[in-house]
Amino acid sequence: MLVQFEGGEVRARHVILAAQAPHAASLVAPVAERAATALSQPTYGPFLSVAVETNETTAMPYDDVFAMATPNRVFDMFTNQAQALRPAGRRPGGSLMLFAGAQRAAALMRKTDDEIVERFLEDLGELYPQTRGDEIEAFAHVFFSASASTLDHGKLYAFLDPAVDRFKELDEDAQREYRDILKRFVNLHSFLGQIVRVQDPIMEKTYVFAKALRSRLPSRGEGGLDLGGDAELTHLRTDKTFEGNMSLGAGASDELPPAVTGGGLGVQHEPDTELLSTIVDLLNERFGLNLGNADQLLFDQFREEWVQNPDLQNQAKANPIENFKFGFDKVFDATIIERMGANDDIFREIMDNPDFAATIKGFYLKEVYDRLRHDGDCVGDHWKLPRDDHRNSPPL
């Protein structure tokens, strides 16, 4: 074989040609016509690859594996790109590549990227359970690549559910310890995020995953007073209104201390009960806060924004409240994120405390739905809504 090029020539007895068959065919045609004809026949199909960045800190069972076929998996080939570097010492993290080809790849490529990643990671987790920590990577990919209005909670839950299933398999003591560790991590990271800039992407991804997972774990069913499913008393605030001697002796004044009501005569009739009427009342009672009228105005602004939302208006008219909840959840999150600069303290509590956020969401879900469903009056493209005093809000 003689290859001539500008400035010289190269003569070789044997040549190894590394190129895809259609391209190789034209290169060898001048010297090997039959080989060129054969090389022009193969047809290449689709080829799908998924790269997985890992963040493990200890040895993994695949450290000595560079590549292997994976029959009966959604991907055909597993490769460990970092295997060649392992003899020099085990450093944290690595890179895995998963490949699928031919008809299987063609079928997969009709799905979205997120669906493909989910399928590949699920099979990778079955092949090597130690890689299930990469659920965090998949969750973070969906979470950070979407805006508040386009965030798909179903996809996020799909990455959280395997961790929830593993949690359910733990005994009661292990579940309690797990919850405690998760809570302390989320709270500590949230606190540090207020005073320093977090520059570790792995830590930030772990934080958003852990915070979402914490709210996804099944309820403990303990530690609170059940108030019917709509509210649960977990915090109690007591205020001292009187200190002194309440005994009544001979010649005592008819005037009783301010802590005694009803003239000391006991219950004379059934008292009128007043349900929690505002979200501020509910949050103060449940979480031991001291929110005031200014905070109530903020929540009233939220409510009006939701009531004036055209999508929610249409959804409320056409759906029962169970279905309306799905649309309301998305708009709720978008509203909170868009208005975060208005009242930082409340917003941080909403974003960092799942119970706090759920309480607000549950309170306004029914109120917004009822107003749109029953009170709203659509005229043309405009909605006429009655003025509403938050003191007359429907009870939970």
Protein backbone atom coordinates (compact mmCIF):
# COMPACT_ATOMS: atom_id res chain seq x y z
CA MET A 1 0.00 0.00 0.00
CA LEU A 2 1.41 3.34 -1.04
CA VAL A 3 -0.08 6.54 0.32
CA GLN A 4 1.15 9.75 -1.21
CA PHE A 5 0.60 13.10 0.42
CA GLU A 6 2.03 16.59 0.14
CA GLY A 7 5.67 16.44 1.03
CA GLY A 8 6.19 12.68 0.82
CA GLU A 9 4.78 9.20 0.73
CA VAL A 10 4.21 6.27 3.09
CA ARG A 11 4.55 2.63 2.02
CA ALA A 12 3.04 -0.18 4.12
CA ARG A 13 2.50 -3.93 3.74
CA HIS A 14 -0.70 -3.97 5.83
CA VAL A 15 -3.20 -1.25 6.68
CA ILE A 16 -5.79 -1.05 9.47
CA LEU A 17 -8.62 1.26 8.46
CA ALA A 18 -10.73 2.52 11.39
CA ALA A 19 -13.85 4.15 9.97
CA GLN A 20 -17.53 3.44 9.59
CA ALA A 21 -18.20 1.04 6.74
CA PRO A 22 -19.78 3.51 4.26
CA HIS A 23 -16.82 5.89 4.68
CA ALA A 24 -14.25 3.09 4.54
CA ALA A 25 -15.72 1.80 1.28
CA SER A 26 -14.72 4.88 -0.71
CA LEU A 27 -11.25 4.89 0.82
CA VAL A 28 -10.35 1.31 -0.14
CA ALA A 29 -12.15 1.22 -3.48
CA PRO A 30 -9.02 2.14 -5.56
CA VAL A 31 -7.04 -0.84 -4.23
CA ALA A 32 -9.67 -3.32 -3.02
CA GLU A 33 -12.79 -3.16 -5.11
CA ARG A 34 -14.41 -6.30 -3.66
CA ALA A 35 -13.81 -5.07 -0.10
CA ALA A 36 -15.30 -1.71 -0.98
CA THR A 37 -18.43 -3.39 -2.35
CA ALA A 38 -18.81 -5.39 0.86
CA LEU A 39 -18.24 -2.36 3.05
CA SER A 40 -20.94 -0.38 1.22
CA GLN A 41 -23.64 -2.94 2.13
CA PRO A 42 -24.06 -2.57 5.95
CA THR A 43 -26.84 -0.28 7.18
CA TYR A 44 -26.37 1.52 10.47
CA GLY A 45 -29.33 1.82 12.82
CA PRO A 46 -29.95 4.26 15.68
CA PHE A 47 -27.56 4.22 18.59
CA LEU A 48 -28.50 5.63 22.00
CA SER A 49 -26.07 6.48 24.79
CA VAL A 50 -26.59 7.80 28.32
CA ALA A 51 -23.71 9.18 30.38
CA VAL A 52 -23.93 8.85 34.15
CA GLU A 53 -21.72 10.95 36.39
CA THR A 54 -21.27 9.22 39.76
CA ASN A 55 -20.27 10.74 43.09
CA GLU A 56 -19.37 7.71 45.21
CA THR A 57 -16.56 8.12 47.74
CA THR A 58 -15.67 4.45 48.30
CA ALA A 59 -14.79 1.44 46.15
CA MET A 60 -17.57 0.13 43.90
CA PRO A 61 -18.12 -3.46 42.67
CA TYR A 62 -17.60 -2.40 39.04
CA ASP A 63 -14.17 -0.81 39.62
CA ASP A 64 -12.42 -3.67 37.77
CA VAL A 65 -14.96 -3.76 34.93
CA PHE A 66 -14.30 -1.72 31.81
CA ALA A 67 -17.17 -3.00 29.67
CA MET A 68 -19.72 -5.80 29.60
CA ALA A 69 -22.80 -6.84 27.68
CA THR A 70 -26.08 -6.51 29.60
CA PRO A 71 -28.72 -8.86 28.11
CA ASN A 72 -32.33 -8.39 29.16
CA ARG A 73 -31.63 -4.79 30.18
CA VAL A 74 -32.98 -1.64 28.58
CA PHE A 75 -29.37 -0.90 27.56
CA ASP A 76 -27.17 -3.44 25.72
CA MET A 77 -23.74 -2.39 26.98
CA PHE A 78 -22.30 -1.08 30.24
CA THR A 79 -18.92 0.68 30.26
CA ASN A 80 -16.91 2.13 33.13
CA GLN A 81 -14.88 4.97 31.64
CA ALA A 82 -12.83 5.53 34.78
CA GLN A 83 -11.64 1.93 35.12
CA ALA A 84 -8.28 2.65 33.50
CA LEU A 85 -7.53 5.25 36.19
CA ARG A 86 -8.24 2.99 39.18
CA PRO A 87 -4.76 1.37 39.51
CA ALA A 88 -3.32 4.79 40.34
CA GLY A 89 -5.60 5.07 43.38
CA ARG A 90 -9.33 5.29 43.99
CA ARG A 91 -10.56 8.86 43.71
CA PRO A 92 -14.17 9.85 44.44
CA GLY A 93 -16.68 9.82 41.60
CA GLY A 94 -16.51 8.43 38.12
CA SER A 95 -18.27 8.15 34.80
CA LEU A 96 -20.41 5.34 33.39
CA MET A 97 -21.73 4.98 29.85
CA LEU A 98 -24.82 2.97 28.94
CA PHE A 99 -25.55 2.08 25.31
CA ALA A 100 -28.54 0.75 23.39
CA GLY A 101 -28.71 0.06 19.66
CA ALA A 102 -30.84 -1.12 16.76
CA GLN A 103 -34.62 -1.54 17.19
CA ARG A 104 -34.51 -1.15 20.95
CA ALA A 105 -32.78 2.20 20.58
CA ALA A 106 -35.26 3.28 17.90
CA ALA A 107 -38.18 2.55 20.26
CA LEU A 108 -36.53 4.37 23.16
CA MET A 109 -35.73 7.44 21.09
CA ARG A 110 -39.45 8.07 20.65
CA LYS A 111 -39.60 8.85 24.37
CA THR A 112 -38.45 12.04 26.07
CA ASP A 113 -34.93 12.41 27.43
CA ASP A 114 -36.24 12.32 30.99
CA GLU A 115 -38.10 9.07 30.36
CA ILE A 116 -34.99 7.50 28.82
CA VAL A 117 -32.83 8.56 31.77
CA GLU A 118 -35.40 7.17 34.21
CA ARG A 119 -35.49 3.77 32.44
CA PHE A 120 -31.71 3.52 32.20
CA LEU A 121 -31.14 4.47 35.84
CA GLU A 122 -33.79 2.01 37.01
CA ASP A 123 -32.02 -0.87 35.23
CA LEU A 124 -28.60 0.36 36.35
CA GLY A 125 -29.87 0.32 39.94
CA GLU A 126 -30.95 -3.30 39.56
CA LEU A 127 -27.59 -4.21 38.04
CA TYR A 128 -25.57 -2.32 40.68
CA PRO A 129 -27.78 -1.24 43.64
CA GLN A 130 -24.89 0.92 44.89
CA THR A 131 -25.54 3.35 42.01
CA ARG A 132 -29.02 4.24 43.23
CA GLY A 133 -27.59 7.42 44.68
CA ASP A 134 -27.68 8.65 41.09
CA GLU A 135 -31.41 9.13 41.56
CA ILE A 136 -30.22 12.45 42.96
CA GLU A 137 -28.57 13.35 39.65
CA ALA A 138 -31.70 12.47 37.70
CA PHE A 139 -33.93 14.41 40.11
CA ALA A 140 -31.65 17.45 39.97
CA HIS A 141 -31.57 17.33 36.16
CA VAL A 142 -35.37 17.64 35.99
CA PHE A 143 -35.62 20.09 38.90
CA PHE A 144 -33.03 22.62 37.70
CA SER A 145 -33.81 22.41 33.99
CA ALA A 146 -37.49 23.36 34.39
CA SER A 147 -39.09 26.64 35.36
CA ALA A 148 -41.64 26.91 38.14
CA SER A 149 -44.53 26.78 35.65
CA THR A 150 -43.19 23.80 33.67
CA LEU A 151 -41.91 21.67 36.56
CA ASP A 152 -43.29 18.14 36.20
CA HIS A 153 -43.92 16.83 39.70
CA GLY A 154 -44.74 13.37 38.33
CA LYS A 155 -41.21 12.97 37.02
CA LEU A 156 -39.73 14.19 40.28
CA TYR A 157 -41.84 11.73 42.25
CA ALA A 158 -40.63 8.92 39.98
CA PHE A 159 -37.07 9.56 41.15
CA LEU A 160 -38.14 9.89 44.79
CA ASP A 161 -40.32 6.79 44.97
CA PRO A 162 -37.47 4.21 45.01
CA ALA A 163 -36.01 5.95 48.08
CA VAL A 164 -39.47 6.03 49.67
CA ASP A 165 -39.85 2.29 49.03
CA ARG A 166 -36.49 1.58 50.66
CA PHE A 167 -37.54 3.72 53.62
CA LYS A 168 -40.72 1.67 54.08
CA GLU A 169 -38.63 -1.50 54.34
CA LEU A 170 -36.78 -0.16 57.41
CA ASP A 171 -37.90 -1.01 60.92
CA GLU A 172 -39.43 1.68 63.13
CA ASP A 173 -36.18 2.63 64.87
CA ALA A 174 -34.28 2.90 61.60
CA GLN A 175 -37.06 5.03 60.10
CA ARG A 176 -36.92 7.38 63.08
CA GLU A 177 -33.15 7.72 62.76
CA TYR A 178 -33.41 8.27 59.00
CA ARG A 179 -35.99 11.02 59.44
CA ASP A 180 -33.83 12.70 62.06
CA ILE A 181 -30.71 12.67 59.86
CA LEU A 182 -32.69 13.93 56.85
CA LYS A 183 -34.26 16.73 58.89
CA ARG A 184 -30.95 17.84 60.40
CA PHE A 185 -29.25 17.86 56.98
CA VAL A 186 -32.03 19.90 55.34
CA ASN A 187 -32.21 22.40 58.20
CA LEU A 188 -28.43 22.80 58.44
CA HIS A 189 -28.03 23.33 54.70
CA SER A 190 -30.91 25.80 54.69
CA PHE A 191 -29.30 27.74 57.54
CA LEU A 192 -25.87 27.80 55.91
CA GLY A 193 -27.42 28.91 52.63
CA GLN A 194 -28.58 32.11 54.33
CA ILE A 195 -25.10 33.14 55.46
CA VAL A 196 -22.71 31.68 52.85
CA ARG A 197 -22.87 30.96 49.15
CA VAL A 198 -23.04 27.22 48.47
CA GLN A 199 -20.62 26.43 45.64
CA ASP A 200 -20.63 22.64 45.81
CA PRO A 201 -23.04 21.38 43.09
CA ILE A 202 -23.22 17.88 44.58
CA MET A 203 -24.26 19.31 47.95
CA GLU A 204 -26.89 21.53 46.36
CA LYS A 205 -28.34 18.63 44.35
CA THR A 206 -28.43 16.48 47.46
CA TYR A 207 -30.21 19.25 49.35
CA VAL A 208 -33.08 19.69 46.86
CA PHE A 209 -33.47 15.90 46.67
CA ALA A 210 -33.44 15.50 50.46
CA LYS A 211 -35.93 18.33 50.99
CA ALA A 212 -38.34 16.83 48.47
CA LEU A 213 -37.84 13.33 49.86
CA ARG A 214 -38.58 14.52 53.39
CA SER A 215 -42.02 15.75 52.34
CA ARG A 216 -42.61 12.54 50.35
CA LEU A 217 -42.00 10.13 53.22
CA PRO A 218 -45.16 8.57 54.70
CA SER A 219 -46.64 10.26 57.74
CA ARG A 220 -45.55 8.94 61.10
CA GLY A 221 -49.07 9.12 62.46
CA GLU A 222 -47.81 10.23 65.86
CA GLY A 223 -46.73 13.33 67.74
CA GLY A 224 -49.76 15.44 66.92
CA LEU A 225 -53.44 15.91 67.64
CA ASP A 226 -55.61 14.90 64.70
CA LEU A 227 -58.00 17.71 63.80
CA GLY A 228 -59.83 15.85 61.07
CA GLY A 229 -57.17 15.51 58.40
CA ASP A 230 -57.13 19.15 57.35
CA ALA A 231 -54.89 20.36 60.14
CA GLU A 232 -52.73 18.65 62.71
CA LEU A 233 -51.61 20.31 65.91
CA THR A 234 -47.86 19.82 66.30
CA HIS A 235 -46.91 23.15 67.91
CA LEU A 236 -48.59 24.85 70.88
CA ARG A 237 -48.01 28.35 72.21
CA THR A 238 -49.11 29.35 75.70
CA ASP A 239 -49.29 32.94 76.96
CA LYS A 240 -49.46 33.96 80.63
CA THR A 241 -52.37 36.32 81.22
CA PHE A 242 -52.53 36.33 85.03
CA GLU A 243 -50.31 35.60 88.01
CA GLY A 244 -51.57 35.74 91.61
CA ASN A 245 -53.67 34.13 94.34
CA MET A 246 -57.08 32.90 93.10
CA SER A 247 -58.40 31.63 96.45
CA LEU A 248 -61.66 33.15 97.73
CA GLY A 249 -61.84 33.67 101.48
CA ALA A 250 -64.34 35.30 103.79
CA GLY A 251 -65.00 38.90 102.88
CA ALA A 252 -63.34 38.52 99.52
CA SER A 253 -64.26 40.94 96.79
CA ASP A 254 -66.88 39.92 94.25
CA GLU A 255 -64.40 40.90 91.57
CA LEU A 256 -62.63 37.81 90.29
CA PRO A 257 -59.14 37.72 88.78
CA PRO A 258 -59.04 38.32 85.02
CA ALA A 259 -58.09 34.69 84.38
CA VAL A 260 -61.54 33.55 85.63
CA THR A 261 -64.39 33.96 83.16
CA GLY A 262 -68.12 33.49 83.55
CA GLY A 263 -68.26 34.86 87.06
CA GLY A 264 -66.99 31.58 88.45
CA LEU A 265 -70.40 29.98 87.91
CA GLY A 266 -69.28 27.26 85.57
CA VAL A 267 -70.74 26.44 82.19
CA GLN A 268 -74.23 27.97 81.85
CA HIS A 269 -74.75 27.16 78.16
CA GLU A 270 -72.98 25.70 75.20
CA PRO A 271 -70.48 28.34 74.02
CA ASP A 272 -70.51 29.46 70.44
CA THR A 273 -67.60 27.89 68.60
CA GLU A 274 -65.59 29.93 66.15
CA LEU A 275 -63.62 27.99 63.54
CA LEU A 276 -60.22 29.13 62.41
CA SER A 277 -61.09 31.79 59.89
CA THR A 278 -57.80 33.05 58.54
CA ILE A 279 -54.60 31.46 57.40
CA VAL A 280 -52.72 33.64 59.90
CA ASP A 281 -54.78 32.20 62.75
CA LEU A 282 -54.09 28.69 61.56
CA LEU A 283 -50.35 29.19 61.14
CA ASN A 284 -49.99 30.98 64.47
CA GLU A 285 -51.82 28.24 66.32
CA ARG A 286 -50.13 25.35 64.56
CA PHE A 287 -46.56 26.60 64.36
CA GLY A 288 -46.37 28.94 67.35
CA LEU A 289 -45.76 32.03 65.22
CA ASN A 290 -46.73 35.66 65.67
CA LEU A 291 -47.93 36.59 62.20
CA GLY A 292 -50.03 39.72 62.00
CA ASN A 293 -52.30 41.72 59.71
CA ALA A 294 -49.45 42.59 57.33
CA ASP A 295 -48.80 38.90 56.77
CA GLN A 296 -52.52 38.28 56.23
CA LEU A 297 -52.46 40.90 53.46
CA LEU A 298 -49.67 38.97 51.75
CA PHE A 299 -51.71 35.79 51.79
CA ASP A 300 -54.76 37.69 50.56
CA GLN A 301 -52.68 38.85 47.59
CA PHE A 302 -51.83 35.24 46.85
CA ARG A 303 -55.48 34.30 46.98
CA GLU A 304 -56.53 37.04 44.59
CA GLU A 305 -53.77 36.12 42.17
CA TRP A 306 -54.97 32.52 42.17
CA VAL A 307 -58.61 33.51 41.81
CA GLN A 308 -57.77 35.75 38.82
CA ASN A 309 -55.69 33.03 37.11
CA PRO A 310 -57.51 32.09 33.84
CA ASP A 311 -56.25 28.50 33.88
CA LEU A 312 -57.51 27.93 37.41
CA GLN A 313 -60.83 29.56 36.51
CA ASN A 314 -61.39 27.09 33.69
CA GLN A 315 -60.17 24.12 35.72
CA ALA A 316 -62.42 24.95 38.67
CA LYS A 317 -65.51 25.16 36.46
CA ALA A 318 -64.79 21.86 34.73
CA ASN A 319 -63.40 19.64 37.50
CA PRO A 320 -64.14 18.35 40.98
CA ILE A 321 -61.81 19.63 43.68
CA GLU A 322 -59.79 16.39 43.64
CA ASN A 323 -58.72 17.06 40.05
CA PHE A 324 -58.51 20.82 40.53
CA LYS A 325 -55.84 20.17 43.18
CA PHE A 326 -53.26 19.11 40.56
CA GLY A 327 -53.47 22.38 38.66
CA PHE A 328 -53.59 24.40 41.88
CA ASP A 329 -50.40 22.74 43.17
CA LYS A 330 -48.44 23.90 40.13
CA VAL A 331 -49.76 27.47 40.24
CA PHE A 332 -49.14 27.59 44.01
CA ASP A 333 -45.44 26.73 43.57
CA ALA A 334 -45.04 29.19 40.70
CA THR A 335 -46.61 32.02 42.72
CA ILE A 336 -44.37 31.39 45.71
CA ILE A 337 -41.19 31.38 43.61
CA GLU A 338 -42.13 34.45 41.57
CA ARG A 339 -42.88 36.55 44.66
CA MET A 340 -40.00 35.39 46.89
CA GLY A 341 -38.55 38.88 47.19
CA ALA A 342 -41.65 40.32 48.87
CA ASN A 343 -41.37 38.69 52.28
CA ASP A 344 -38.22 36.63 52.70
CA ASP A 345 -39.01 35.18 56.13
CA ILE A 346 -42.35 33.69 55.15
CA PHE A 347 -41.04 32.42 51.83
CA ARG A 348 -38.10 30.65 53.45
CA GLU A 349 -40.52 28.97 55.85
CA ILE A 350 -42.72 27.88 52.95
CA MET A 351 -39.81 26.49 50.95
CA ASP A 352 -38.01 24.82 53.87
CA ASN A 353 -40.89 23.51 55.98
CA PRO A 354 -43.13 21.03 54.09
CA ASP A 355 -45.79 21.07 56.84
CA PHE A 356 -45.97 24.87 56.72
CA ALA A 357 -46.36 24.86 52.92
CA ALA A 358 -48.95 22.07 53.04
CA THR A 359 -50.99 23.96 55.62
CA ILE A 360 -51.17 27.06 53.41
CA LYS A 361 -51.86 25.04 50.29
CA GLY A 362 -54.63 23.04 51.97
CA PHE A 363 -56.24 26.18 53.38
CA TYR A 364 -56.43 28.03 50.08
CA LEU A 365 -57.19 25.03 47.86
CA LYS A 366 -60.80 24.87 49.04
CA GLU A 367 -61.27 28.63 49.32
CA VAL A 368 -60.01 29.35 45.80
CA TYR A 369 -61.95 26.42 44.40
CA ASP A 370 -65.20 27.46 46.11
CA ARG A 371 -64.91 31.04 44.92
CA LEU A 372 -64.21 30.03 41.34
CA ARG A 373 -66.77 27.26 41.34
CA HIS A 374 -69.69 28.95 43.05
CA ASP A 375 -69.12 32.66 43.63
CA GLY A 376 -67.33 33.64 40.41
CA ASP A 377 -69.43 35.08 37.60
CA CYS A 378 -67.83 35.04 34.16
CA VAL A 379 -68.80 37.91 31.87
CA GLY A 380 -67.04 37.79 28.52
CA ASP A 381 -63.34 37.63 29.14
CA HIS A 382 -63.63 39.12 32.62
CA TRP A 383 -64.50 37.60 35.96
CA LYS A 384 -66.68 39.45 38.46
CA LEU A 385 -65.83 38.24 41.91
CA PRO A 386 -67.58 39.36 45.11
CA ARG A 387 -65.55 41.26 47.62
CA ASP A 388 -64.52 38.86 50.33
CA ASP A 389 -63.55 39.49 53.91
CA HIS A 390 -61.02 36.90 55.00
CA ARG A 391 -62.93 36.61 58.28
CA ASN A 392 -65.69 34.85 56.35
CA SER A 393 -63.38 32.30 54.74
CA PRO A 394 -64.85 28.77 54.67
CA PRO A 395 -63.64 26.54 57.50
CA LEU A 396 -61.13 23.77 56.79
